């Protein structure tokens, strides 16, 4: 499931990432009504957010990639200690 964000090209403003497209559309509708008088500004878009941009900077979490790399490093260290430990 990809997060979404609303981006106004005219204002160069973006909403925070949202889980669903409908949440991003709600940000769009509010922005259009409050800033542009219900008109559609140039560069108005709902975007899929990928990578670091999708992360909530206020959230505290462990990345799945970091966990998998840690497990792989431990497995490699265990293998090396078994091979050279004899």
C-alpha atoms as a PDB file:
ATOM      1  CA  UNK A   1       0.000   0.000   0.000  1.00  0.00           C
ATOM      2  CA  UNK A   2       1.557   3.252  -1.131  1.00  0.00           C
ATOM      3  CA  UNK A   3       1.032   6.446   0.808  1.00  0.00           C
ATOM      4  CA  UNK A   4      -0.344   9.489  -1.015  1.00  0.00           C
ATOM      5  CA  UNK A   5       0.157  13.222  -0.786  1.00  0.00           C
ATOM      6  CA  UNK A   6      -1.557  16.218  -2.331  1.00  0.00           C
ATOM      7  CA  UNK A   7       0.721  18.711  -4.082  1.00  0.00           C
ATOM      8  CA  UNK A   8      -0.228  22.185  -5.301  1.00  0.00           C
ATOM      9  CA  UNK A   9       2.210  23.185  -8.020  1.00  0.00           C
ATOM     10  CA  UNK A  10       1.108  26.798  -7.978  1.00  0.00           C
ATOM     11  CA  UNK A  11       1.657  27.285  -4.236  1.00  0.00           C
ATOM     12  CA  UNK A  12       4.534  24.793  -4.105  1.00  0.00           C
ATOM     13  CA  UNK A  13       2.845  23.254  -1.067  1.00  0.00           C
ATOM     14  CA  UNK A  14       2.349  19.589  -0.157  1.00  0.00           C
ATOM     15  CA  UNK A  15       0.146  17.837   2.350  1.00  0.00           C
ATOM     16  CA  UNK A  16       1.679  15.382   4.801  1.00  0.00           C
ATOM     17  CA  UNK A  17       1.698  11.774   3.531  1.00  0.00           C
ATOM     18  CA  UNK A  18      -1.638  10.006   3.994  1.00  0.00           C
ATOM     19  CA  UNK A  19      -2.481   6.314   4.021  1.00  0.00           C
ATOM     20  CA  UNK A  20      -5.369   6.487   1.568  1.00  0.00           C
ATOM     21  CA  UNK A  21      -5.973   8.410  -1.619  1.00  0.00           C
ATOM     22  CA  UNK A  22      -9.267   9.730  -0.230  1.00  0.00           C
ATOM     23  CA  UNK A  23      -7.408  11.414   2.659  1.00  0.00           C
ATOM     24  CA  UNK A  24      -5.105  13.140   0.152  1.00  0.00           C
ATOM     25  CA  UNK A  25      -8.165  14.176  -1.866  1.00  0.00           C
ATOM     26  CA  UNK A  26      -9.650  15.711   1.296  1.00  0.00           C
ATOM     27  CA  UNK A  27      -6.471  17.787   1.707  1.00  0.00           C
ATOM     28  CA  UNK A  28      -6.814  18.820  -1.945  1.00  0.00           C
ATOM     29  CA  UNK A  29     -10.458  19.818  -1.583  1.00  0.00           C
ATOM     30  CA  UNK A  30      -9.729  21.869   1.554  1.00  0.00           C
ATOM     31  CA  UNK A  31      -6.752  23.610  -0.097  1.00  0.00           C
ATOM     32  CA  UNK A  32      -8.704  24.403  -3.254  1.00  0.00           C
ATOM     33  CA  UNK A  33     -11.594  25.846  -1.242  1.00  0.00           C
ATOM     34  CA  UNK A  34      -9.550  27.866   1.239  1.00  0.00           C
ATOM     35  CA  UNK A  35      -6.765  29.169  -1.011  1.00  0.00           C
ATOM     36  CA  UNK A  36      -8.011  29.037  -4.600  1.00  0.00           C
ATOM     37  CA  UNK A  37     -11.755  29.688  -4.219  1.00  0.00           C
ATOM     38  CA  UNK A  38     -12.646  26.141  -5.401  1.00  0.00           C
ATOM     39  CA  UNK A  39     -10.675  26.622  -8.645  1.00  0.00           C
ATOM     40  CA  UNK A  40      -8.177  24.013  -9.838  1.00  0.00           C
ATOM     41  CA  UNK A  41      -4.646  25.458  -9.687  1.00  0.00           C
ATOM     42  CA  UNK A  42      -1.966  24.559 -12.245  1.00  0.00           C
ATOM     43  CA  UNK A  43       0.165  21.625 -11.143  1.00  0.00           C
ATOM     44  CA  UNK A  44      -2.524  20.279  -8.815  1.00  0.00           C
ATOM     45  CA  UNK A  45      -1.888  16.525  -8.254  1.00  0.00           C
ATOM     46  CA  UNK A  46      -2.264  13.565  -5.950  1.00  0.00           C
ATOM     47  CA  UNK A  47       1.091  11.758  -5.868  1.00  0.00           C
ATOM     48  CA  UNK A  48       2.254   8.352  -4.718  1.00  0.00           C
ATOM     49  CA  UNK A  49       4.922   8.828  -2.070  1.00  0.00           C
ATOM     50  CA  UNK A  50       7.895   6.475  -2.111  1.00  0.00           C
ATOM     51  CA  UNK A  51      11.052   6.118  -0.075  1.00  0.00           C
ATOM     52  CA  UNK A  52      12.037   8.569   2.637  1.00  0.00           C
ATOM     53  CA  UNK A  53       9.355  11.054   1.654  1.00  0.00           C
ATOM     54  CA  UNK A  54       6.697   8.587   2.780  1.00  0.00           C
ATOM     55  CA  UNK A  55       8.038   8.383   6.300  1.00  0.00           C
ATOM     56  CA  UNK A  56       6.407  10.373   9.034  1.00  0.00           C
ATOM     57  CA  UNK A  57       9.258  12.342  10.643  1.00  0.00           C
ATOM     58  CA  UNK A  58       7.431  12.346  13.992  1.00  0.00           C
ATOM     59  CA  UNK A  59       6.990   8.583  14.069  1.00  0.00           C
ATOM     60  CA  UNK A  60       9.452   6.299  15.784  1.00  0.00           C
ATOM     61  CA  UNK A  61       9.838   2.969  14.068  1.00  0.00           C
ATOM     62  CA  UNK A  62      12.338   0.397  12.865  1.00  0.00           C
ATOM     63  CA  UNK A  63      12.796   0.016   9.161  1.00  0.00           C
ATOM     64  CA  UNK A  64      12.211  -3.507   7.882  1.00  0.00           C
ATOM     65  CA  UNK A  65      15.324  -3.149   5.747  1.00  0.00           C
ATOM     66  CA  UNK A  66      17.426  -2.260   8.799  1.00  0.00           C
ATOM     67  CA  UNK A  67      16.081  -5.260  10.726  1.00  0.00           C
ATOM     68  CA  UNK A  68      16.797  -7.635   7.831  1.00  0.00           C
ATOM     69  CA  UNK A  69      20.321  -6.233   7.406  1.00  0.00           C
ATOM     70  CA  UNK A  70      20.930  -6.699  11.128  1.00  0.00           C
ATOM     71  CA  UNK A  71      19.768 -10.318  10.997  1.00  0.00           C
ATOM     72  CA  UNK A  72      21.936 -10.950   7.921  1.00  0.00           C
ATOM     73  CA  UNK A  73      24.969  -9.425   9.686  1.00  0.00           C
ATOM     74  CA  UNK A  74      24.392 -11.651  12.724  1.00  0.00           C
ATOM     75  CA  UNK A  75      24.031 -14.741  10.506  1.00  0.00           C
ATOM     76  CA  UNK A  76      27.268 -13.863   8.686  1.00  0.00           C
ATOM     77  CA  UNK A  77      29.118 -13.315  11.969  1.00  0.00           C
ATOM     78  CA  UNK A  78      27.835 -16.650  13.273  1.00  0.00           C
ATOM     79  CA  UNK A  79      28.957 -18.408  10.096  1.00  0.00           C
ATOM     80  CA  UNK A  80      32.436 -16.837  10.220  1.00  0.00           C
ATOM     81  CA  UNK A  81      32.889 -17.717  13.897  1.00  0.00           C
ATOM     82  CA  UNK A  82      31.945 -21.342  13.196  1.00  0.00           C
ATOM     83  CA  UNK A  83      34.319 -21.643  10.232  1.00  0.00           C
ATOM     84  CA  UNK A  84      37.326 -19.967  11.865  1.00  0.00           C
ATOM     85  CA  UNK A  85      36.584 -20.970  15.446  1.00  0.00           C
ATOM     86  CA  UNK A  86      37.778 -24.564  15.008  1.00  0.00           C
END
